[in-house]
Amino acid sequence: MTESRHPSPFPDFPSSLLELEQRFPDEDACAAYLRHLRWPDGFVCPHCGSRRAWELNSKKHCVQCANCKIQTSIRAGTIMHKSHLPLRTWFWAAWLMASHSNGISAVQLQRQLGLGSYKTAWLLLAKLRRAMVDPDRQPLAGVVEIDEATMPYQRKDDPVGGGQGRSMKGKMAMVAAVEADGERIGRLRLQPIGDYCAKTLGAFTNAVLAPEALMRTDGWASYPAIAGHAHSPIVVGPMAAHVVLDAIHKVFGNLKAWARGVYHGLRPKHLQSYLDEFVFRFNRRRKRHVGVRSLLRLGMNTSPKPYARIISHDTRE
């Protein structure tokens, strides 16, 4: 019986497919890395908090707590809970999803990894999306551009998009906030909304902005009613909105092109999770391979998301 403490298996995460294959050639290598991500300071029993455990020879990648005797596998209680897919499949899916500039669709993932069904590929990606929001992420700071946008529904039997400006007829509405303090665009947040009132927009800004952040908007009437942040409205008038709010309209342009190109449009039910996917890659666009490591780490600290729960409603819980 020993205290289960494991140093980092690798100093850095692979930065290429070849390196990924070399560093994680089998299930044991993947499990060792996931163990480090889940318990960087050594095993901690999720039931009693004890740090002492036995490695089980009878069960792969599983330990038994020396105190409460409960057995814990590397997958238990994580996004990989009860998954029968090899760990290497999870690693490859995380790589393809996080490192490619546009991600990957379920059809493409099924072909690339030789998965048995579209449902398997779709569920694998859906679970990874639920691990793409870091609960400890820092709020946006500095000058932050905020605006809303709409996207049409996906299928031909859905309501036809219509109306101008902020009309929601046949559309999905969302609000975005992006750091725009200087020449480089910073971090991004996106959220679906049901209306453009001050209560809705205020709940979003209060959730994503640091207290000292400066809001820059197009002067929409709801924003001045939002308390808690300095506000710098720029009334657009006849001028094109992308001229005065350049950063956020670049984001919206990229988002809509991605949604059409990869998924042929989005639908309301899972909209938040797809927006989370876009935000995850956007905020890690300068070091995409680091995003793969982040996704695996977050997956190890995300509660199980079974199929029935995913298809019943869209949630970050």
Protein backbone atom coordinates (compact mmCIF):
# COMPACT_ATOMS: atom_id res chain seq x y z
CA MET A 1 0.00 0.00 0.00
CA THR A 2 1.44 3.34 -1.04
CA GLU A 3 0.31 6.88 -1.56
CA SER A 4 -0.60 7.17 -5.22
CA ARG A 5 1.45 10.07 -6.55
CA HIS A 6 2.44 10.35 -10.19
CA PRO A 7 4.66 12.96 -11.81
CA SER A 8 3.67 14.39 -15.17
CA PRO A 9 4.19 11.71 -17.85
CA PHE A 10 5.25 14.33 -20.39
CA PRO A 11 6.65 17.84 -20.02
CA ASP A 12 4.57 19.23 -22.90
CA PHE A 13 1.60 18.09 -24.92
CA PRO A 14 2.31 16.91 -28.48
CA SER A 15 2.22 19.63 -31.12
CA SER A 16 1.75 17.35 -34.15
CA LEU A 17 -0.14 14.21 -35.13
CA LEU A 18 3.12 12.26 -35.42
CA GLU A 19 4.14 13.27 -31.93
CA LEU A 20 0.68 12.41 -30.60
CA GLU A 21 1.00 8.91 -32.03
CA GLN A 22 4.49 8.48 -30.61
CA ARG A 23 3.64 9.64 -27.10
CA PHE A 24 0.33 7.80 -26.80
CA PRO A 25 0.89 4.51 -28.62
CA ASP A 26 -1.38 2.45 -26.34
CA GLU A 27 -4.05 2.55 -23.65
CA ASP A 28 -1.56 2.54 -20.79
CA ALA A 29 0.13 5.71 -22.03
CA CYS A 30 -3.24 7.44 -22.41
CA ALA A 31 -4.38 6.33 -18.95
CA ALA A 32 -1.15 7.58 -17.35
CA TYR A 33 -1.62 11.01 -18.88
CA LEU A 34 -5.30 11.19 -17.90
CA ARG A 35 -4.39 10.18 -14.35
CA HIS A 36 -2.01 13.13 -14.17
CA LEU A 37 -4.65 15.52 -15.52
CA ARG A 38 -7.29 14.29 -13.08
CA TRP A 39 -5.05 14.01 -10.02
CA PRO A 40 -1.98 16.22 -10.65
CA ASP A 41 -0.95 15.98 -6.97
CA GLY A 42 -1.67 12.30 -6.66
CA PHE A 43 -4.82 10.21 -6.35
CA VAL A 44 -7.63 11.54 -4.18
CA CYS A 45 -10.55 9.21 -3.53
CA PRO A 46 -13.72 10.87 -4.86
CA HIS A 47 -15.74 9.21 -2.07
CA CYS A 48 -13.74 9.73 1.13
CA GLY A 49 -10.84 12.00 0.14
CA SER A 50 -8.12 9.55 1.11
CA ARG A 51 -4.84 9.70 -0.82
CA ARG A 52 -3.84 6.10 -0.26
CA ALA A 53 -4.82 3.45 -2.80
CA TRP A 54 -3.84 0.14 -4.39
CA GLU A 55 -3.32 -0.37 -8.09
CA LEU A 56 -5.56 -3.25 -9.18
CA ASN A 57 -3.98 -5.87 -11.38
CA SER A 58 -7.36 -7.45 -12.04
CA LYS A 59 -8.84 -4.26 -13.55
CA LYS A 60 -7.02 -2.06 -16.02
CA HIS A 61 -6.54 1.58 -15.06
CA CYS A 62 -8.39 1.17 -11.78
CA VAL A 63 -7.39 1.75 -8.15
CA GLN A 64 -8.93 0.77 -4.83
CA CYS A 65 -9.02 3.25 -1.97
CA ALA A 66 -7.15 1.98 1.10
CA ASN A 67 -9.65 3.68 3.38
CA CYS A 68 -13.18 3.11 2.02
CA LYS A 69 -12.22 0.23 -0.31
CA ILE A 70 -14.20 1.73 -3.20
CA GLN A 71 -12.69 1.15 -6.63
CA THR A 72 -12.26 4.05 -9.05
CA SER A 73 -11.34 3.78 -12.72
CA ILE A 74 -9.71 6.59 -14.66
CA ARG A 75 -13.00 7.08 -16.57
CA ALA A 76 -15.41 7.00 -13.61
CA GLY A 77 -17.17 10.27 -12.88
CA THR A 78 -15.74 12.01 -15.96
CA ILE A 79 -16.90 12.80 -19.46
CA MET A 80 -15.67 9.30 -20.42
CA HIS A 81 -17.82 7.60 -17.79
CA LYS A 82 -19.01 4.15 -18.94
CA SER A 83 -17.63 4.72 -22.43
CA HIS A 84 -16.54 1.56 -24.23
CA LEU A 85 -14.42 3.45 -26.73
CA PRO A 86 -10.65 3.04 -26.40
CA LEU A 87 -8.87 5.91 -24.67
CA ARG A 88 -6.83 6.41 -27.82
CA THR A 89 -10.08 7.09 -29.71
CA TRP A 90 -10.92 9.81 -27.20
CA PHE A 91 -7.43 11.30 -27.63
CA TRP A 92 -7.73 11.34 -31.41
CA ALA A 93 -11.23 12.81 -31.29
CA ALA A 94 -10.07 15.55 -28.93
CA TRP A 95 -7.16 16.29 -31.26
CA LEU A 96 -9.34 16.51 -34.36
CA MET A 97 -11.95 18.61 -32.61
CA ALA A 98 -9.67 21.07 -30.81
CA SER A 99 -6.67 21.46 -33.10
CA HIS A 100 -8.39 21.82 -36.49
CA SER A 101 -9.35 25.42 -37.18
CA ASN A 102 -12.94 24.44 -38.01
CA GLY A 103 -13.30 21.38 -35.82
CA ILE A 104 -14.91 18.30 -37.32
CA SER A 105 -18.45 17.03 -37.96
CA ALA A 106 -19.77 13.69 -36.74
CA VAL A 107 -19.81 12.34 -40.32
CA GLN A 108 -16.17 13.28 -40.78
CA LEU A 109 -15.18 11.89 -37.38
CA GLN A 110 -16.88 8.57 -38.11
CA ARG A 111 -14.89 8.25 -41.32
CA GLN A 112 -11.59 9.42 -39.87
CA LEU A 113 -11.65 7.11 -36.84
CA GLY A 114 -13.57 4.21 -38.39
CA LEU A 115 -16.32 4.36 -35.79
CA GLY A 116 -19.17 1.89 -36.07
CA SER A 117 -22.03 4.35 -36.37
CA TYR A 118 -22.91 8.00 -36.82
CA LYS A 119 -24.55 7.96 -33.37
CA THR A 120 -21.26 6.95 -31.74
CA ALA A 121 -19.41 9.77 -33.48
CA TRP A 122 -22.13 12.31 -32.68
CA LEU A 123 -22.23 11.34 -29.00
CA LEU A 124 -18.45 11.46 -28.70
CA LEU A 125 -18.37 15.02 -30.04
CA ALA A 126 -21.42 16.03 -27.98
CA LYS A 127 -19.72 14.87 -24.78
CA LEU A 128 -16.51 16.71 -25.62
CA ARG A 129 -18.50 19.90 -26.22
CA ARG A 130 -19.90 19.66 -22.69
CA ALA A 131 -16.31 19.83 -21.43
CA MET A 132 -15.38 22.98 -23.32
CA VAL A 133 -16.28 25.54 -20.67
CA ASP A 134 -13.69 26.01 -17.96
CA PRO A 135 -15.54 26.76 -14.68
CA ASP A 136 -12.48 28.71 -13.51
CA ARG A 137 -12.09 30.90 -16.58
CA GLN A 138 -11.43 34.58 -15.95
CA PRO A 139 -13.97 37.28 -16.90
CA LEU A 140 -13.34 39.53 -19.88
CA ALA A 141 -11.44 42.73 -19.10
CA GLY A 142 -10.42 46.01 -20.69
CA VAL A 143 -12.47 47.35 -23.58
CA VAL A 144 -15.10 44.77 -24.51
CA GLU A 145 -17.27 45.03 -27.61
CA ILE A 146 -20.80 43.68 -27.11
CA ASP A 147 -23.43 43.10 -29.76
CA GLU A 148 -26.16 40.71 -30.82
CA ALA A 149 -26.60 38.69 -33.99
CA THR A 150 -29.05 36.21 -35.47
CA MET A 151 -28.71 33.01 -37.46
CA PRO A 152 -31.45 31.32 -39.53
CA TYR A 153 -32.79 27.93 -38.55
CA GLN A 154 -31.17 24.91 -40.14
CA ARG A 155 -33.81 22.87 -41.96
CA LYS A 156 -36.22 23.75 -44.72
CA ASP A 157 -39.28 22.82 -42.60
CA ASP A 158 -38.26 25.25 -39.83
CA PRO A 159 -39.64 28.81 -39.79
CA VAL A 160 -38.30 30.91 -42.62
CA GLY A 161 -35.95 33.67 -41.49
CA GLY A 162 -37.39 37.11 -42.05
CA GLY A 163 -37.53 40.61 -40.72
CA GLN A 164 -34.78 43.16 -40.48
CA GLY A 165 -32.44 44.27 -37.74
CA ARG A 166 -33.14 42.59 -34.41
CA SER A 167 -36.20 40.67 -35.63
CA MET A 168 -36.28 37.07 -34.35
CA LYS A 169 -38.74 35.70 -36.87
CA GLY A 170 -37.37 32.34 -38.01
CA LYS A 171 -34.01 33.11 -36.41
CA MET A 172 -31.86 32.21 -33.44
CA ALA A 173 -30.56 35.21 -31.53
CA MET A 174 -27.31 35.39 -29.58
CA VAL A 175 -25.20 37.93 -27.77
CA ALA A 176 -21.42 38.11 -27.86
CA ALA A 177 -18.70 39.90 -25.96
CA VAL A 178 -15.09 40.09 -27.15
CA GLU A 179 -12.03 41.87 -25.80
CA ALA A 180 -11.01 44.58 -28.25
CA ASP A 181 -8.45 46.64 -26.37
CA GLY A 182 -5.76 47.25 -28.97
CA GLU A 183 -5.05 45.80 -32.39
CA ARG A 184 -5.41 42.12 -31.45
CA ILE A 185 -8.78 40.57 -30.69
CA GLY A 186 -8.82 38.93 -27.28
CA ARG A 187 -11.10 36.39 -25.63
CA LEU A 188 -14.71 35.73 -26.58
CA ARG A 189 -18.00 34.74 -24.94
CA LEU A 190 -21.24 33.73 -26.73
CA GLN A 191 -24.73 32.94 -25.46
CA PRO A 192 -28.16 32.38 -27.03
CA ILE A 193 -30.85 34.87 -25.98
CA GLY A 194 -34.62 35.00 -26.25
CA ASP A 195 -34.97 38.78 -26.37
CA TYR A 196 -32.95 41.99 -26.36
CA CYS A 197 -34.20 43.50 -23.10
CA ALA A 198 -31.94 45.01 -20.45
CA LYS A 199 -32.59 42.13 -18.02
CA THR A 200 -31.41 39.51 -20.53
CA LEU A 201 -28.39 41.43 -21.78
CA GLY A 202 -27.52 42.55 -18.25
CA ALA A 203 -27.46 38.96 -16.99
CA PHE A 204 -25.00 38.10 -19.76
CA THR A 205 -22.69 41.08 -19.21
CA ASN A 206 -22.65 40.58 -15.45
CA ALA A 207 -21.70 36.93 -15.94
CA VAL A 208 -18.85 37.45 -18.40
CA LEU A 209 -17.33 40.88 -17.66
CA ALA A 210 -14.87 41.90 -14.98
CA PRO A 211 -16.14 44.79 -12.82
CA GLU A 212 -13.64 47.22 -14.34
CA ALA A 213 -14.41 46.29 -17.97
CA LEU A 214 -15.60 49.01 -20.35
CA MET A 215 -18.57 48.03 -22.52
CA ARG A 216 -18.51 49.28 -26.10
CA THR A 217 -21.88 48.86 -27.86
CA ASP A 218 -23.87 50.19 -30.80
CA GLY A 219 -26.07 52.30 -28.55
CA TRP A 220 -29.03 49.88 -28.38
CA ALA A 221 -31.48 51.20 -25.79
CA SER A 222 -31.13 48.23 -23.41
CA TYR A 223 -27.43 48.73 -22.70
CA PRO A 224 -27.59 52.08 -20.85
CA ALA A 225 -30.03 50.44 -18.41
CA ILE A 226 -27.43 47.83 -17.43
CA ALA A 227 -25.78 48.72 -14.13
CA GLY A 228 -22.35 47.68 -12.89
CA HIS A 229 -20.08 48.52 -15.83
CA ALA A 230 -18.81 51.62 -17.57
CA HIS A 231 -20.44 52.04 -20.97
CA SER A 232 -19.13 53.62 -24.16
CA PRO A 233 -21.98 53.58 -26.72
CA ILE A 234 -21.26 54.31 -30.36
CA VAL A 235 -24.52 55.13 -32.11
CA VAL A 236 -24.25 53.50 -35.51
CA GLY A 237 -26.87 55.48 -37.44
CA PRO A 238 -26.37 55.17 -41.20
CA MET A 239 -22.83 53.87 -40.73
CA ALA A 240 -22.23 50.15 -41.15
CA ALA A 241 -22.01 48.43 -37.75
CA HIS A 242 -18.84 46.54 -38.65
CA VAL A 243 -17.00 49.83 -39.05
CA VAL A 244 -17.49 50.94 -35.45
CA LEU A 245 -17.56 47.47 -33.85
CA ASP A 246 -14.99 45.80 -36.05
CA ALA A 247 -13.82 43.03 -33.70
CA ILE A 248 -17.18 41.58 -32.81
CA HIS A 249 -18.44 41.63 -36.39
CA LYS A 250 -15.36 39.70 -37.49
CA VAL A 251 -16.32 37.15 -34.85
CA PHE A 252 -19.90 36.94 -36.11
CA GLY A 253 -18.69 36.54 -39.69
CA ASN A 254 -16.37 33.69 -38.72
CA LEU A 255 -19.06 32.05 -36.60
CA LYS A 256 -21.65 32.04 -39.37
CA ALA A 257 -19.16 30.78 -41.97
CA TRP A 258 -18.12 27.97 -39.61
CA ALA A 259 -21.71 26.97 -38.82
CA ARG A 260 -22.59 26.78 -42.52
CA GLY A 261 -19.40 25.11 -43.62
CA VAL A 262 -19.04 22.39 -40.97
CA TYR A 263 -22.61 21.77 -39.78
CA HIS A 264 -24.68 23.27 -42.63
CA GLY A 265 -26.38 25.47 -40.05
CA LEU A 266 -27.33 25.06 -36.39
CA ARG A 267 -30.55 24.43 -34.46
CA PRO A 268 -31.83 25.95 -31.21
CA LYS A 269 -31.80 22.81 -29.04
CA HIS A 270 -28.02 22.40 -28.88
CA LEU A 271 -27.07 25.94 -29.85
CA GLN A 272 -25.25 26.75 -26.60
CA SER A 273 -22.96 23.74 -26.85
CA TYR A 274 -22.01 24.58 -30.45
CA LEU A 275 -21.32 28.17 -29.44
CA ASP A 276 -19.16 26.82 -26.61
CA GLU A 277 -17.21 24.80 -29.17
CA PHE A 278 -16.60 27.86 -31.33
CA VAL A 279 -15.54 29.93 -28.31
CA PHE A 280 -13.21 27.18 -27.07
CA ARG A 281 -11.22 27.08 -30.31
CA PHE A 282 -11.36 30.83 -30.87
CA ASN A 283 -9.81 31.53 -27.47
CA ARG A 284 -7.04 29.00 -28.13
CA ARG A 285 -6.48 29.80 -31.80
CA ARG A 286 -2.83 30.78 -31.37
CA LYS A 287 -1.81 27.47 -29.71
CA ARG A 288 -4.28 24.87 -30.86
CA HIS A 289 -2.38 21.85 -29.55
CA VAL A 290 -2.61 23.37 -26.06
CA GLY A 291 -6.37 23.36 -26.58
CA VAL A 292 -6.27 19.56 -26.91
CA ARG A 293 -4.59 19.27 -23.52
CA SER A 294 -7.14 21.70 -22.04
CA LEU A 295 -10.02 19.68 -23.48
CA LEU A 296 -8.72 16.43 -22.00
CA ARG A 297 -8.11 18.12 -18.63
CA LEU A 298 -11.59 19.62 -18.56
CA GLY A 299 -13.06 16.28 -19.60
CA MET A 300 -11.44 14.65 -16.59
CA ASN A 301 -13.18 17.19 -14.36
CA THR A 302 -16.58 17.20 -16.07
CA SER A 303 -19.39 15.08 -14.67
CA PRO A 304 -20.83 12.28 -16.84
CA LYS A 305 -23.16 13.31 -19.66
CA PRO A 306 -25.16 10.24 -20.79
CA TYR A 307 -26.92 10.16 -24.15
CA ALA A 308 -30.44 10.50 -22.72
CA ARG A 309 -29.48 13.64 -20.85
CA ILE A 310 -27.77 15.21 -23.83
CA ILE A 311 -30.68 14.73 -26.21
CA SER A 312 -33.31 15.76 -23.65
CA HIS A 313 -31.97 19.26 -23.21
CA ASP A 314 -28.84 21.33 -23.69
CA THR A 315 -27.03 21.97 -20.42
CA ARG A 316 -23.63 22.84 -19.01
CA GLU A 317 -24.42 21.14 -15.70
